[in-house]
Amino acid sequence: MIVVHVFAHVKPEHVRAFREATAENARNSVQEPGVARFDVIQEKDNLTRFVLVEVYRTPEARSLHKETQHYKVWRDTVAPMMAEPRTSIEYSNVFPSDEDW
């Protein structure tokens, strides 16, 4: 499993539109066979900051996700909403591991 945290800082005037576009992307993403989980979380004390927690079954699944139409629409829609460029960190899960399933 590959776990990716995507950090997004949105311009205040775009928070609602970002939430809507990102929720639509997440709804579609969880339908992909290689996606185990796709969470969208918002910071409580700074509503302009979000983290997308993406869990892929394989490294290839992450690449395939970026080729989907819904991802491309989301990427292009939210690009002008960003207060700064998105960043991400990739993790390997420790528990549960593939052997624990």
Protein backbone atom coordinates (compact mmCIF):
# COMPACT_ATOMS: atom_id res chain seq x y z
CA MET A 1 0.00 0.00 0.00
CA ILE A 2 1.10 3.51 -0.80
CA VAL A 3 -0.26 6.35 1.35
CA VAL A 4 -0.03 9.88 0.01
CA HIS A 5 -0.80 13.07 1.93
CA VAL A 6 -1.50 15.98 -0.41
CA PHE A 7 -1.37 19.39 1.28
CA ALA A 8 -3.48 22.16 -0.22
CA HIS A 9 -3.64 25.79 0.85
CA VAL A 10 -6.65 27.44 -0.77
CA LYS A 11 -7.42 31.13 -1.24
CA PRO A 12 -10.14 32.08 1.28
CA GLU A 13 -12.65 33.05 -1.38
CA HIS A 14 -12.37 29.59 -2.98
CA VAL A 15 -12.78 27.33 0.06
CA ARG A 16 -16.36 26.30 -0.75
CA ALA A 17 -15.64 25.67 -4.44
CA PHE A 18 -12.51 23.70 -3.55
CA ARG A 19 -14.47 21.53 -1.11
CA GLU A 20 -17.11 20.81 -3.75
CA ALA A 21 -14.61 20.00 -6.52
CA THR A 22 -12.48 17.89 -4.20
CA ALA A 23 -15.46 15.94 -2.85
CA GLU A 24 -16.49 15.12 -6.42
CA ASN A 25 -12.96 13.94 -7.21
CA ALA A 26 -12.92 11.82 -4.03
CA ARG A 27 -16.31 10.24 -4.85
CA ASN A 28 -14.95 9.15 -8.22
CA SER A 29 -11.52 8.16 -6.90
CA VAL A 30 -12.89 5.62 -4.41
CA GLN A 31 -14.51 3.84 -7.37
CA GLU A 32 -11.09 3.10 -8.88
CA PRO A 33 -10.02 -0.51 -8.26
CA GLY A 34 -6.54 0.57 -7.14
CA VAL A 35 -7.76 3.08 -4.55
CA ALA A 36 -8.28 1.66 -1.07
CA ARG A 37 -9.20 4.97 0.57
CA PHE A 38 -9.46 8.64 -0.34
CA ASP A 39 -10.14 11.09 2.49
CA VAL A 40 -10.43 14.86 2.34
CA ILE A 41 -9.80 16.64 5.63
CA GLN A 42 -9.90 20.33 6.51
CA GLU A 43 -7.93 22.04 9.26
CA LYS A 44 -10.21 23.21 12.07
CA ASP A 45 -8.32 26.37 12.96
CA ASN A 46 -7.49 27.42 9.39
CA LEU A 47 -10.28 26.53 6.97
CA THR A 48 -8.08 27.32 3.97
CA ARG A 49 -5.85 24.29 4.64
CA PHE A 50 -6.70 20.78 3.50
CA VAL A 51 -5.06 17.38 3.40
CA LEU A 52 -6.05 14.68 0.94
CA VAL A 53 -5.21 11.26 2.35
CA GLU A 54 -4.94 8.87 -0.59
CA VAL A 55 -4.31 5.15 -0.09
CA TYR A 56 -3.36 3.12 -3.16
CA ARG A 57 -3.15 -0.64 -3.36
CA THR A 58 -0.05 -0.50 -5.61
CA PRO A 59 2.40 2.14 -6.82
CA GLU A 60 0.91 1.75 -10.31
CA ALA A 61 -2.54 2.64 -8.97
CA ARG A 62 -1.31 6.13 -8.10
CA SER A 63 -0.09 6.65 -11.66
CA LEU A 64 -3.35 5.31 -13.06
CA HIS A 65 -5.31 7.68 -10.82
CA LYS A 66 -3.53 10.65 -12.35
CA GLU A 67 -4.65 9.50 -15.81
CA THR A 68 -8.36 9.47 -14.97
CA GLN A 69 -10.67 12.12 -16.39
CA HIS A 70 -12.04 13.06 -12.97
CA TYR A 71 -8.52 13.72 -11.63
CA LYS A 72 -7.63 15.88 -14.65
CA VAL A 73 -10.85 17.89 -14.27
CA TRP A 74 -10.16 18.34 -10.55
CA ARG A 75 -6.52 19.35 -11.12
CA ASP A 76 -7.43 21.97 -13.71
CA THR A 77 -10.42 23.24 -11.72
CA VAL A 78 -8.59 23.78 -8.44
CA ALA A 79 -5.30 25.09 -9.85
CA PRO A 80 -6.39 28.77 -9.79
CA MET A 81 -7.84 28.31 -6.29
CA MET A 82 -4.47 27.58 -4.69
CA ALA A 83 -2.81 30.13 -2.40
CA GLU A 84 0.43 28.22 -2.99
CA PRO A 85 1.37 25.10 -4.98
CA ARG A 86 0.14 21.78 -3.60
CA THR A 87 2.73 19.52 -2.00
CA SER A 88 2.66 15.84 -1.18
CA ILE A 89 4.48 13.26 0.89
CA GLU A 90 4.41 9.55 0.10
CA TYR A 91 4.38 6.99 2.91
CA SER A 92 4.47 3.21 3.26
CA ASN A 93 2.02 1.81 5.76
CA VAL A 94 3.42 -0.15 8.68
CA PHE A 95 0.17 -1.48 10.15
CA PRO A 96 -1.86 -2.99 8.87
CA SER A 97 0.57 -4.35 6.34
CA ASP A 98 -0.35 -6.49 3.34
CA GLU A 99 0.51 -9.54 5.43
CA ASP A 100 -2.08 -8.49 8.05
CA TRP A 101 -4.96 -8.61 5.55
